[in-house]
Amino acid sequence: MGIVSWKTLDSLDFIRLFGTTDFMLSLVRGNMGRKGKIDVARAAKFLAEAERIKEELNLLNAEMCRELGREYRQAHGFENPLKEEKLDPPDETIENGGGIPACE
């Protein structure tokens, strides 16, 4: 477990919510299926909802960074949802028509 920074009054709320969610998801995963206490379809819904919430938090963090004029460094395993895709310049080799753009 990592170290949690206490920078806002909301820190304890987030820590408790994330801790409870983590515990409940571990119970859901361990109790789904044939002999489990929870239907697989219902468990899948819970897992998908947890994933959606993580993506929403990632987006919220990226939006706040953009508003503050800061670079967003997303958590490991996530991508910056606001990062603009950089297109590579056309290949200027003979195989690609000698510098003729593929699209105009």
Foldseek 3Di string as FASTA:
>chain_A
DDDQDDDDPCRVVVVVVVVVLVVVLVLLVVAEDDRGPDDPVVNVVSVVVVVVVVVVVLQVQLVVCVVVVHDDDGDPPDDNPPDDDDDDPDDCDVVRVNHDDPPD
